[in-house]
PDB file of N, CA and C in Angstrom:
ATOM      1  N   MET A   1       0.839  -1.163   0.000  1.00  0.00           N
ATOM      2  CA  MET A   1       0.000   0.000   0.000  1.00  0.00           C
ATOM      3  C   MET A   1       0.893   1.236   0.000  1.00  0.00           C
ATOM      4  N   THR A   2       0.586   2.195  -0.869  1.00  0.00           N
ATOM      5  CA  THR A   2       1.415   3.385  -0.956  1.00  0.00           C
ATOM      6  C   THR A   2       0.807   4.496  -0.140  1.00  0.00           C
ATOM      7  N   ASP A   3       1.670   5.398   0.321  1.00  0.00           N
ATOM      8  CA  ASP A   3       1.225   6.539   1.145  1.00  0.00           C
ATOM      9  C   ASP A   3       0.895   7.704   0.219  1.00  0.00           C
ATOM     10  N   THR A   4      -0.388   8.051   0.112  1.00  0.00           N
ATOM     11  CA  THR A   4      -0.821   9.146  -0.774  1.00  0.00           C
ATOM     12  C   THR A   4      -1.155  10.405   0.000  1.00  0.00           C
ATOM     13  N   THR A   5      -0.906  10.448   1.280  1.00  0.00           N
ATOM     14  CA  THR A   5      -1.247  11.600   2.093  1.00  0.00           C
ATOM     15  C   THR A   5      -0.552  12.870   1.617  1.00  0.00           C
ATOM     16  N   PRO A   6       0.767  12.872   1.390  1.00  0.00           N
ATOM     17  CA  PRO A   6       1.395  14.109   0.914  1.00  0.00           C
ATOM     18  C   PRO A   6       0.811  14.591  -0.419  1.00  0.00           C
ATOM     19  N   ARG A   7       0.516  13.636  -1.316  1.00  0.00           N
ATOM     20  CA  ARG A   7      -0.039  14.016  -2.605  1.00  0.00           C
ATOM     21  C   ARG A   7      -1.436  14.607  -2.419  1.00  0.00           C
ATOM     22  N   SER A   8      -2.230  14.039  -1.525  1.00  0.00           N
ATOM     23  CA  SER A   8      -3.570  14.556  -1.258  1.00  0.00           C
ATOM     24  C   SER A   8      -3.511  15.962  -0.676  1.00  0.00           C
ATOM     25  N   ILE A   9      -2.569  16.165   0.229  1.00  0.00           N
ATOM     26  CA  ILE A   9      -2.417  17.496   0.824  1.00  0.00           C
ATOM     27  C   ILE A   9      -1.985  18.505  -0.231  1.00  0.00           C
ATOM     28  N   LEU A  10      -1.068  18.114  -1.106  1.00  0.00           N
ATOM     29  CA  LEU A  10      -0.605  18.999  -2.169  1.00  0.00           C
ATOM     30  C   LEU A  10      -1.748  19.326  -3.129  1.00  0.00           C
ATOM     31  N   THR A  11      -2.533  18.350  -3.475  1.00  0.00           N
ATOM     32  CA  THR A  11      -3.674  18.569  -4.360  1.00  0.00           C
ATOM     33  C   THR A  11      -4.691  19.505  -3.717  1.00  0.00           C
ATOM     34  N   LEU A  12      -4.975  19.263  -2.440  1.00  0.00           N
ATOM     35  CA  LEU A  12      -5.919  20.120  -1.720  1.00  0.00           C
ATOM     36  C   LEU A  12      -5.396  21.553  -1.612  1.00  0.00           C
ATOM     37  N   ALA A  13      -4.112  21.699  -1.304  1.00  0.00           N
ATOM     38  CA  ALA A  13      -3.509  23.037  -1.198  1.00  0.00           C
ATOM     39  C   ALA A  13      -3.550  23.755  -2.541  1.00  0.00           C
ATOM     40  N   THR A  14      -3.268  23.049  -3.619  1.00  0.00           N
ATOM     41  CA  THR A  14      -3.306  23.645  -4.959  1.00  0.00           C
ATOM     42  C   THR A  14      -4.728  24.085  -5.302  1.00  0.00           C
ATOM     43  N   ALA A  15      -5.699  23.248  -4.984  1.00  0.00           N
ATOM     44  CA  ALA A  15      -7.091  23.598  -5.258  1.00  0.00           C
ATOM     45  C   ALA A  15      -7.499  24.832  -4.464  1.00  0.00           C
ATOM     46  N   CYS A  16      -7.082  24.900  -3.205  1.00  0.00           N
ATOM     47  CA  CYS A  16      -7.405  26.078  -2.381  1.00  0.00           C
ATOM     48  C   CYS A  16      -6.770  27.337  -2.943  1.00  0.00           C
ATOM     49  N   MET A  17      -5.524  27.233  -3.390  1.00  0.00           N
ATOM     50  CA  MET A  17      -4.847  28.407  -3.961  1.00  0.00           C
ATOM     51  C   MET A  17      -5.555  28.856  -5.240  1.00  0.00           C
ATOM     52  N   LEU A  18      -5.931  27.910  -6.081  1.00  0.00           N
ATOM     53  CA  LEU A  18      -6.630  28.272  -7.319  1.00  0.00           C
ATOM     54  C   LEU A  18      -7.971  28.929  -7.035  1.00  0.00           C
ATOM     55  N   MET A  19      -8.671  28.438  -6.026  1.00  0.00           N
ATOM     56  CA  MET A  19      -9.950  29.057  -5.653  1.00  0.00           C
ATOM     57  C   MET A  19      -9.730  30.460  -5.109  1.00  0.00           C
ATOM     58  N   ALA A  20      -8.670  30.655  -4.326  1.00  0.00           N
ATOM     59  CA  ALA A  20      -8.376  31.980  -3.791  1.00  0.00           C
ATOM     60  C   ALA A  20      -8.024  32.951  -4.916  1.00  0.00           C
ATOM     61  N   ILE A  21      -7.252  32.499  -5.874  1.00  0.00           N
ATOM     62  CA  ILE A  21      -6.887  33.347  -7.016  1.00  0.00           C
ATOM     63  C   ILE A  21      -8.137  33.703  -7.824  1.00  0.00           C
ATOM     64  N   ALA A  22      -8.990  32.706  -8.050  1.00  0.00           N
ATOM     65  CA  ALA A  22     -10.222  32.961  -8.803  1.00  0.00           C
ATOM     66  C   ALA A  22     -11.120  33.950  -8.063  1.00  0.00           C
ATOM     67  N   ALA A  23     -11.231  33.794  -6.761  1.00  0.00           N
ATOM     68  CA  ALA A  23     -12.060  34.709  -5.972  1.00  0.00           C
ATOM     69  C   ALA A  23     -11.492  36.118  -6.002  1.00  0.00           C
ATOM     70  N   SER A  24     -10.181  36.216  -5.912  1.00  0.00           N
ATOM     71  CA  SER A  24      -9.530  37.529  -5.957  1.00  0.00           C
ATOM     72  C   SER A  24      -9.740  38.191  -7.318  1.00  0.00           C
ATOM     73  N   SER A  25      -9.602  37.402  -8.385  1.00  0.00           N
ATOM     74  CA  SER A  25      -9.809  37.941  -9.734  1.00  0.00           C
ATOM     75  C   SER A  25     -11.248  38.401  -9.924  1.00  0.00           C
ATOM     76  N   TYR A  26     -12.179  37.622  -9.405  1.00  0.00           N
ATOM     77  CA  TYR A  26     -13.591  37.981  -9.506  1.00  0.00           C
ATOM     78  C   TYR A  26     -13.872  39.278  -8.739  1.00  0.00           C
ATOM     79  N   ALA A  27     -13.317  39.383  -7.541  1.00  0.00           N
ATOM     80  CA  ALA A  27     -13.521  40.588  -6.732  1.00  0.00           C
ATOM     81  C   ALA A  27     -12.935  41.807  -7.431  1.00  0.00           C
ATOM     82  N   GLN A  28     -11.746  41.649  -8.036  1.00  0.00           N
ATOM     83  CA  GLN A  28     -11.127  42.766  -8.755  1.00  0.00           C
ATOM     84  C   GLN A  28     -11.984  43.172  -9.942  1.00  0.00           C
ATOM     85  N   ALA A  29     -12.521  42.201 -10.656  1.00  0.00           N
ATOM     86  CA  ALA A  29     -13.372  42.505 -11.800  1.00  0.00           C
ATOM     87  C   ALA A  29     -14.629  43.249 -11.349  1.00  0.00           C
ATOM     88  N   GLN A  30     -15.174  42.863 -10.216  1.00  0.00           N
ATOM     89  CA  GLN A  30     -16.358  43.550  -9.696  1.00  0.00           C
ATOM     90  C   GLN A  30     -16.026  44.987  -9.322  1.00  0.00           C
ATOM     91  N   ARG A  31     -14.874  45.216  -8.689  1.00  0.00           N
ATOM     92  CA  ARG A  31     -14.479  46.588  -8.317  1.00  0.00           C
ATOM     93  C   ARG A  31     -14.263  47.429  -9.560  1.00  0.00           C
ATOM     94  N   THR A  32     -13.607  46.882 -10.558  1.00  0.00           N
ATOM     95  CA  THR A  32     -13.361  47.613 -11.800  1.00  0.00           C
ATOM     96  C   THR A  32     -14.680  47.953 -12.475  1.00  0.00           C
ATOM     97  N   SER A  33     -15.592  46.994 -12.493  1.00  0.00           N
ATOM     98  CA  SER A  33     -16.899  47.231 -13.088  1.00  0.00           C
ATOM     99  C   SER A  33     -17.646  48.329 -12.336  1.00  0.00           C
ATOM    100  N   GLN A  34     -17.567  48.312 -11.008  1.00  0.00           N
ATOM    101  CA  GLN A  34     -18.256  49.321 -10.198  1.00  0.00           C
ATOM    102  C   GLN A  34     -17.666  50.701 -10.449  1.00  0.00           C
ATOM    103  N   VAL A  35     -16.334  50.799 -10.526  1.00  0.00           N
ATOM    104  CA  VAL A  35     -15.683  52.085 -10.785  1.00  0.00           C
ATOM    105  C   VAL A  35     -16.106  52.608 -12.153  1.00  0.00           C
ATOM    106  N   THR A  36     -16.141  51.728 -13.143  1.00  0.00           N
ATOM    107  CA  THR A  36     -16.552  52.133 -14.487  1.00  0.00           C
ATOM    108  C   THR A  36     -18.002  52.597 -14.484  1.00  0.00           C
ATOM    109  N   ASP A  37     -18.874  51.841 -13.813  1.00  0.00           N
ATOM    110  CA  ASP A  37     -20.283  52.237 -13.730  1.00  0.00           C
ATOM    111  C   ASP A  37     -20.433  53.579 -13.030  1.00  0.00           C
ATOM    112  N   ASP A  38     -19.686  53.783 -11.929  1.00  0.00           N
ATOM    113  CA  ASP A  38     -19.759  55.051 -11.203  1.00  0.00           C
ATOM    114  C   ASP A  38     -19.281  56.203 -12.079  1.00  0.00           C
ATOM    115  N   ALA A  39     -18.194  55.993 -12.809  1.00  0.00           N
ATOM    116  CA  ALA A  39     -17.662  57.054 -13.664  1.00  0.00           C
ATOM    117  C   ALA A  39     -18.657  57.399 -14.764  1.00  0.00           C
ATOM    118  N   GLN A  40     -19.294  56.390 -15.327  1.00  0.00           N
ATOM    119  CA  GLN A  40     -20.271  56.656 -16.373  1.00  0.00           C
ATOM    120  C   GLN A  40     -21.506  57.336 -15.814  1.00  0.00           C
ATOM    121  N   ALA A  41     -21.874  57.010 -14.593  1.00  0.00           N
ATOM    122  CA  ALA A  41     -23.052  57.617 -13.985  1.00  0.00           C
ATOM    123  C   ALA A  41     -22.824  59.086 -13.673  1.00  0.00           C
ATOM    124  N   THR A  42     -21.580  59.464 -13.365  1.00  0.00           N
ATOM    125  CA  THR A  42     -21.304  60.852 -13.014  1.00  0.00           C
ATOM    126  C   THR A  42     -20.864  61.689 -14.197  1.00  0.00           C
ATOM    127  N   SER A  43     -20.482  61.053 -15.314  1.00  0.00           N
ATOM    128  CA  SER A  43     -20.073  61.838 -16.470  1.00  0.00           C
ATOM    129  C   SER A  43     -21.281  62.086 -17.360  1.00  0.00           C
ATOM    130  N   PRO A  44     -21.377  63.279 -17.894  1.00  0.00           N
ATOM    131  CA  PRO A  44     -22.539  63.587 -18.722  1.00  0.00           C
ATOM    132  C   PRO A  44     -22.496  62.812 -20.033  1.00  0.00           C
ATOM    133  N   ARG A  45     -23.636  62.395 -20.499  1.00  0.00           N
ATOM    134  CA  ARG A  45     -23.738  61.685 -21.772  1.00  0.00           C
ATOM    135  C   ARG A  45     -23.686  62.670 -22.938  1.00  0.00           C
ATOM    136  N   THR A  46     -24.199  63.868 -22.708  1.00  0.00           N
ATOM    137  CA  THR A  46     -24.188  64.903 -23.727  1.00  0.00           C
ATOM    138  C   THR A  46     -23.663  66.181 -23.104  1.00  0.00           C
ATOM    139  N   ALA A  47     -23.265  67.088 -23.931  1.00  0.00           N
ATOM    140  CA  ALA A  47     -22.775  68.371 -23.427  1.00  0.00           C
ATOM    141  C   ALA A  47     -23.917  69.109 -22.750  1.00  0.00           C
ATOM    142  N   PRO A  48     -23.633  69.741 -21.606  1.00  0.00           N
ATOM    143  CA  PRO A  48     -24.703  70.469 -20.925  1.00  0.00           C
ATOM    144  C   PRO A  48     -25.148  71.667 -21.750  1.00  0.00           C
ATOM    145  N   ALA A  49     -26.399  71.979 -21.632  1.00  0.00           N
ATOM    146  CA  ALA A  49     -26.936  73.139 -22.335  1.00  0.00           C
ATOM    147  C   ALA A  49     -26.329  74.404 -21.743  1.00  0.00           C
ATOM    148  N   PRO A  50     -26.016  75.376 -22.586  1.00  0.00           N
ATOM    149  CA  PRO A  50     -25.460  76.614 -22.047  1.00  0.00           C
ATOM    150  C   PRO A  50     -26.452  77.269 -21.096  1.00  0.00           C
ATOM    151  N   SER A  51     -25.924  77.785 -20.024  1.00  0.00           N
ATOM    152  CA  SER A  51     -26.808  78.427 -19.055  1.00  0.00           C
ATOM    153  C   SER A  51     -27.104  79.845 -19.506  1.00  0.00           C
ATOM    154  N   SER A  52     -28.258  80.318 -19.126  1.00  0.00           N
ATOM    155  CA  SER A  52     -28.606  81.688 -19.480  1.00  0.00           C
ATOM    156  C   SER A  52     -27.836  82.634 -18.565  1.00  0.00           C
ATOM    157  N   PRO A  53     -27.574  83.846 -19.027  1.00  0.00           N
ATOM    158  CA  PRO A  53     -26.806  84.786 -18.212  1.00  0.00           C
ATOM    159  C   PRO A  53     -27.555  85.164 -16.941  1.00  0.00           C
ATOM    160  N   GLN A  54     -26.801  85.432 -15.911  1.00  0.00           N
ATOM    161  CA  GLN A  54     -27.401  85.857 -14.642  1.00  0.00           C
ATOM    162  C   GLN A  54     -27.982  87.263 -14.803  1.00  0.00           C
ATOM    163  N   PRO A  55     -29.032  87.547 -14.089  1.00  0.00           N
ATOM    164  CA  PRO A  55     -29.584  88.918 -14.142  1.00  0.00           C
ATOM    165  C   PRO A  55     -28.541  89.934 -13.650  1.00  0.00           C
ATOM    166  N   PHE A  56     -28.559  91.094 -14.263  1.00  0.00           N
ATOM    167  CA  PHE A  56     -27.638  92.174 -13.902  1.00  0.00           C
ATOM    168  C   PHE A  56     -27.675  92.433 -12.400  1.00  0.00           C
ATOM    169  N   GLU A  57     -28.870  92.473 -11.845  1.00  0.00           N
ATOM    170  CA  GLU A  57     -29.035  92.797 -10.419  1.00  0.00           C
ATOM    171  C   GLU A  57     -28.369  91.759  -9.515  1.00  0.00           C
ATOM    172  N   ASP A  58     -28.338  90.497  -9.963  1.00  0.00           N
ATOM    173  CA  ASP A  58     -27.685  89.448  -9.167  1.00  0.00           C
ATOM    174  C   ASP A  58     -26.168  89.623  -9.157  1.00  0.00           C
ATOM    175  N   LEU A  59     -25.627  90.103 -10.264  1.00  0.00           N
ATOM    176  CA  LEU A  59     -24.179  90.299 -10.346  1.00  0.00           C
ATOM    177  C   LEU A  59     -23.733  91.586  -9.661  1.00  0.00           C
ATOM    178  N   ASP A  60     -24.572  92.595  -9.668  1.00  0.00           N
ATOM    179  CA  ASP A  60     -24.261  93.872  -9.012  1.00  0.00           C
ATOM    180  C   ASP A  60     -24.532  93.719  -7.514  1.00  0.00           C
ATOM    181  N   THR A  61     -23.653  93.006  -6.841  1.00  0.00           N
ATOM    182  CA  THR A  61     -23.899  92.642  -5.441  1.00  0.00           C
ATOM    183  C   THR A  61     -23.868  93.830  -4.482  1.00  0.00           C
ATOM    184  N   ASN A  62     -23.146  94.887  -4.833  1.00  0.00           N
ATOM    185  CA  ASN A  62     -23.113  96.044  -3.924  1.00  0.00           C
ATOM    186  C   ASN A  62     -24.177  97.080  -4.268  1.00  0.00           C
ATOM    187  N   GLY A  63     -24.950  96.822  -5.337  1.00  0.00           N
ATOM    188  CA  GLY A  63     -26.078  97.680  -5.675  1.00  0.00           C
ATOM    189  C   GLY A  63     -25.723  99.072  -6.153  1.00  0.00           C
ATOM    190  N   ASP A  64     -24.514  99.249  -6.700  1.00  0.00           N
ATOM    191  CA  ASP A  64     -24.119 100.586  -7.151  1.00  0.00           C
ATOM    192  C   ASP A  64     -24.501 100.874  -8.599  1.00  0.00           C
ATOM    193  N   GLY A  65     -25.213  99.956  -9.247  1.00  0.00           N
ATOM    194  CA  GLY A  65     -25.667 100.187 -10.616  1.00  0.00           C
ATOM    195  C   GLY A  65     -24.668  99.781 -11.675  1.00  0.00           C
ATOM    196  N   ALA A  66     -23.597  99.110 -11.297  1.00  0.00           N
ATOM    197  CA  ALA A  66     -22.588  98.655 -12.245  1.00  0.00           C
ATOM    198  C   ALA A  66     -21.981  97.352 -11.734  1.00  0.00           C
ATOM    199  N   ILE A  67     -21.383  96.601 -12.654  1.00  0.00           N
ATOM    200  CA  ILE A  67     -20.704  95.351 -12.297  1.00  0.00           C
ATOM    201  C   ILE A  67     -19.204  95.600 -12.362  1.00  0.00           C
ATOM    202  N   SER A  68     -18.536  95.448 -11.235  1.00  0.00           N
ATOM    203  CA  SER A  68     -17.084  95.615 -11.192  1.00  0.00           C
ATOM    204  C   SER A  68     -16.399  94.328 -11.651  1.00  0.00           C
ATOM    205  N   LYS A  69     -15.088  94.399 -11.841  1.00  0.00           N
ATOM    206  CA  LYS A  69     -14.327  93.197 -12.200  1.00  0.00           C
ATOM    207  C   LYS A  69     -14.468  92.130 -11.123  1.00  0.00           C
ATOM    208  N   ASP A  70     -14.444  92.541  -9.867  1.00  0.00           N
ATOM    209  CA  ASP A  70     -14.594  91.584  -8.768  1.00  0.00           C
ATOM    210  C   ASP A  70     -15.971  90.922  -8.797  1.00  0.00           C
ATOM    211  N   GLU A  71     -16.999  91.698  -9.069  1.00  0.00           N
ATOM    212  CA  GLU A  71     -18.353  91.137  -9.129  1.00  0.00           C
ATOM    213  C   GLU A  71     -18.491  90.205 -10.334  1.00  0.00           C
ATOM    214  N   ALA A  72     -17.837  90.539 -11.437  1.00  0.00           N
ATOM    215  CA  ALA A  72     -17.902  89.714 -12.653  1.00  0.00           C
ATOM    216  C   ALA A  72     -17.160  88.394 -12.484  1.00  0.00           C
ATOM    217  N   ALA A  73     -16.270  88.301 -11.516  1.00  0.00           N
ATOM    218  CA  ALA A  73     -15.443  87.110 -11.333  1.00  0.00           C
ATOM    219  C   ALA A  73     -16.262  85.848 -11.046  1.00  0.00           C
ATOM    220  N   VAL A  74     -17.496  85.983 -10.577  1.00  0.00           N
ATOM    221  CA  VAL A  74     -18.323  84.810 -10.292  1.00  0.00           C
ATOM    222  C   VAL A  74     -18.827  84.146 -11.577  1.00  0.00           C
ATOM    223  N   ASP A  75     -18.697  84.832 -12.697  1.00  0.00           N
ATOM    224  CA  ASP A  75     -19.122  84.310 -14.004  1.00  0.00           C
ATOM    225  C   ASP A  75     -17.880  84.296 -14.904  1.00  0.00           C
ATOM    226  N   PRO A  76     -17.155  83.168 -14.961  1.00  0.00           N
ATOM    227  CA  PRO A  76     -15.892  83.136 -15.713  1.00  0.00           C
ATOM    228  C   PRO A  76     -15.968  83.654 -17.148  1.00  0.00           C
ATOM    229  N   PRO A  77     -17.001  83.290 -17.945  1.00  0.00           N
ATOM    230  CA  PRO A  77     -17.050  83.856 -19.297  1.00  0.00           C
ATOM    231  C   PRO A  77     -17.206  85.383 -19.284  1.00  0.00           C
ATOM    232  N   LEU A  78     -17.989  85.904 -18.329  1.00  0.00           N
ATOM    233  CA  LEU A  78     -18.145  87.354 -18.217  1.00  0.00           C
ATOM    234  C   LEU A  78     -16.821  87.987 -17.813  1.00  0.00           C
ATOM    235  N   ALA A  79     -16.146  87.400 -16.856  1.00  0.00           N
ATOM    236  CA  ALA A  79     -14.861  87.938 -16.406  1.00  0.00           C
ATOM    237  C   ALA A  79     -13.858  87.965 -17.554  1.00  0.00           C
ATOM    238  N   GLN A  80     -13.876  86.917 -18.390  1.00  0.00           N
ATOM    239  CA  GLN A  80     -12.947  86.859 -19.519  1.00  0.00           C
ATOM    240  C   GLN A  80     -13.259  87.941 -20.558  1.00  0.00           C
ATOM    241  N   ALA A  81     -14.530  88.228 -20.769  1.00  0.00           N
ATOM    242  CA  ALA A  81     -14.926  89.218 -21.775  1.00  0.00           C
ATOM    243  C   ALA A  81     -15.005  90.635 -21.216  1.00  0.00           C
ATOM    244  N   PHE A  82     -14.754  90.806 -19.928  1.00  0.00           N
ATOM    245  CA  PHE A  82     -14.957  92.078 -19.252  1.00  0.00           C
ATOM    246  C   PHE A  82     -14.288  93.256 -19.977  1.00  0.00           C
ATOM    247  N   GLY A  83     -13.033  93.111 -20.334  1.00  0.00           N
ATOM    248  CA  GLY A  83     -12.290  94.199 -20.981  1.00  0.00           C
ATOM    249  C   GLY A  83     -12.903  94.634 -22.302  1.00  0.00           C
ATOM    250  N   THR A  84     -13.436  93.690 -23.040  1.00  0.00           N
ATOM    251  CA  THR A  84     -14.072  94.012 -24.316  1.00  0.00           C
ATOM    252  C   THR A  84     -15.428  94.672 -24.101  1.00  0.00           C
ATOM    253  N   LEU A  85     -16.158  94.187 -23.099  1.00  0.00           N
ATOM    254  CA  LEU A  85     -17.495  94.730 -22.824  1.00  0.00           C
ATOM    255  C   LEU A  85     -17.449  96.125 -22.220  1.00  0.00           C
ATOM    256  N   ASP A  86     -16.401  96.414 -21.476  1.00  0.00           N
ATOM    257  CA  ASP A  86     -16.256  97.713 -20.805  1.00  0.00           C
ATOM    258  C   ASP A  86     -15.796  98.743 -21.840  1.00  0.00           C
ATOM    259  N   THR A  87     -16.753  99.193 -22.676  1.00  0.00           N
ATOM    260  CA  THR A  87     -16.404 100.040 -23.820  1.00  0.00           C
ATOM    261  C   THR A  87     -15.869 101.414 -23.425  1.00  0.00           C
ATOM    262  N   ASP A  88     -16.244 101.925 -22.249  1.00  0.00           N
ATOM    263  CA  ASP A  88     -15.710 103.223 -21.829  1.00  0.00           C
ATOM    264  C   ASP A  88     -14.471 103.066 -20.934  1.00  0.00           C
ATOM    265  N   ALA A  89     -14.030 101.837 -20.745  1.00  0.00           N
ATOM    266  CA  ALA A  89     -12.805 101.518 -19.998  1.00  0.00           C
ATOM    267  C   ALA A  89     -12.764 102.148 -18.604  1.00  0.00           C
ATOM    268  N   ASP A  90     -13.917 102.146 -17.927  1.00  0.00           N
ATOM    269  CA  ASP A  90     -13.936 102.715 -16.575  1.00  0.00           C
ATOM    270  C   ASP A  90     -13.833 101.642 -15.488  1.00  0.00           C
ATOM    271  N   GLY A  91     -13.664 100.355 -15.899  1.00  0.00           N
ATOM    272  CA  GLY A  91     -13.531  99.285 -14.928  1.00  0.00           C
ATOM    273  C   GLY A  91     -14.846  98.793 -14.372  1.00  0.00           C
ATOM    274  N   ARG A  92     -15.942  99.215 -15.005  1.00  0.00           N
ATOM    275  CA  ARG A  92     -17.279  98.827 -14.546  1.00  0.00           C
ATOM    276  C   ARG A  92     -18.160  98.579 -15.759  1.00  0.00           C
ATOM    277  N   LEU A  93     -19.063  97.618 -15.629  1.00  0.00           N
ATOM    278  CA  LEU A  93     -20.027  97.373 -16.703  1.00  0.00           C
ATOM    279  C   LEU A  93     -21.356  98.000 -16.329  1.00  0.00           C
ATOM    280  N   THR A  94     -21.839  98.862 -17.203  1.00  0.00           N
ATOM    281  CA  THR A  94     -23.161  99.462 -17.014  1.00  0.00           C
ATOM    282  C   THR A  94     -24.210  98.441 -17.450  1.00  0.00           C
ATOM    283  N   PRO A  95     -25.469  98.691 -17.141  1.00  0.00           N
ATOM    284  CA  PRO A  95     -26.509  97.774 -17.625  1.00  0.00           C
ATOM    285  C   PRO A  95     -26.495  97.632 -19.152  1.00  0.00           C
ATOM    286  N   GLU A  96     -26.192  98.708 -19.858  1.00  0.00           N
ATOM    287  CA  GLU A  96     -26.149  98.659 -21.323  1.00  0.00           C
ATOM    288  C   GLU A  96     -24.972  97.802 -21.805  1.00  0.00           C
ATOM    289  N   GLU A  97     -23.822  97.965 -21.171  1.00  0.00           N
ATOM    290  CA  GLU A  97     -22.652  97.162 -21.554  1.00  0.00           C
ATOM    291  C   GLU A  97     -22.900  95.681 -21.240  1.00  0.00           C
ATOM    292  N   TYR A  98     -23.526  95.420 -20.119  1.00  0.00           N
ATOM    293  CA  TYR A  98     -23.820  94.035 -19.748  1.00  0.00           C
ATOM    294  C   TYR A  98     -24.853  93.430 -20.687  1.00  0.00           C
ATOM    295  N   ALA A  99     -25.783  94.223 -21.164  1.00  0.00           N
ATOM    296  CA  ALA A  99     -26.832  93.729 -22.072  1.00  0.00           C
ATOM    297  C   ALA A  99     -26.225  93.140 -23.344  1.00  0.00           C
ATOM    298  N   VAL A 100     -25.119  93.722 -23.808  1.00  0.00           N
ATOM    299  CA  VAL A 100     -24.430  93.182 -24.997  1.00  0.00           C
ATOM    300  C   VAL A 100     -23.975  91.759 -24.699  1.00  0.00           C
ATOM    301  N   TYR A 101     -23.391  91.538 -23.532  1.00  0.00           N
ATOM    302  CA  TYR A 101     -22.941  90.206 -23.115  1.00  0.00           C
ATOM    303  C   TYR A 101     -24.132  89.270 -22.964  1.00  0.00           C
ATOM    304  N   ALA A 102     -25.186  89.717 -22.297  1.00  0.00           N
ATOM    305  CA  ALA A 102     -26.338  88.875 -22.019  1.00  0.00           C
ATOM    306  C   ALA A 102     -27.018  88.428 -23.312  1.00  0.00           C
ATOM    307  N   GLN A 103     -27.095  89.321 -24.300  1.00  0.00           N
ATOM    308  CA  GLN A 103     -27.716  88.944 -25.576  1.00  0.00           C
ATOM    309  C   GLN A 103     -26.890  87.882 -26.289  1.00  0.00           C
ATOM    310  N   GLY A 104     -25.595  87.983 -26.199  1.00  0.00           N
ATOM    311  CA  GLY A 104     -24.714  86.992 -26.826  1.00  0.00           C
ATOM    312  C   GLY A 104     -24.763  85.641 -26.147  1.00  0.00           C
ATOM    313  N   GLN A 105     -25.147  85.590 -24.885  1.00  0.00           N
ATOM    314  CA  GLN A 105     -25.201  84.353 -24.125  1.00  0.00           C
ATOM    315  C   GLN A 105     -26.541  83.651 -24.220  1.00  0.00           C
ATOM    316  N   SER A 106     -27.558  84.325 -24.672  1.00  0.00           N
ATOM    317  CA  SER A 106     -28.921  83.749 -24.726  1.00  0.00           C
ATOM    318  C   SER A 106     -29.085  82.836 -25.904  1.00  0.00           C
TER     319      SER A 106
END
């Protein structure tokens, strides 16, 4: 009669290792799938619609009747166009100067 105990233990150990590797691979695939699903859920499928311009009164936070460079900073496209819109170069946008921007954004 031959002693097969070491061979049985080796076979059992190999089977356990293969099951552990398979379980680990499955778990990794599930995590990757979840990350991909989460990324797709948070990324827009289409480009967002352009937002309408904020009302002049909302941007004129100090109520002085004009939008300063600091007040325009809350609207990056407005801040970028500020120098062009400020036709009298006084550092402030009047309601008329802002209307040019607002019409272009609508």
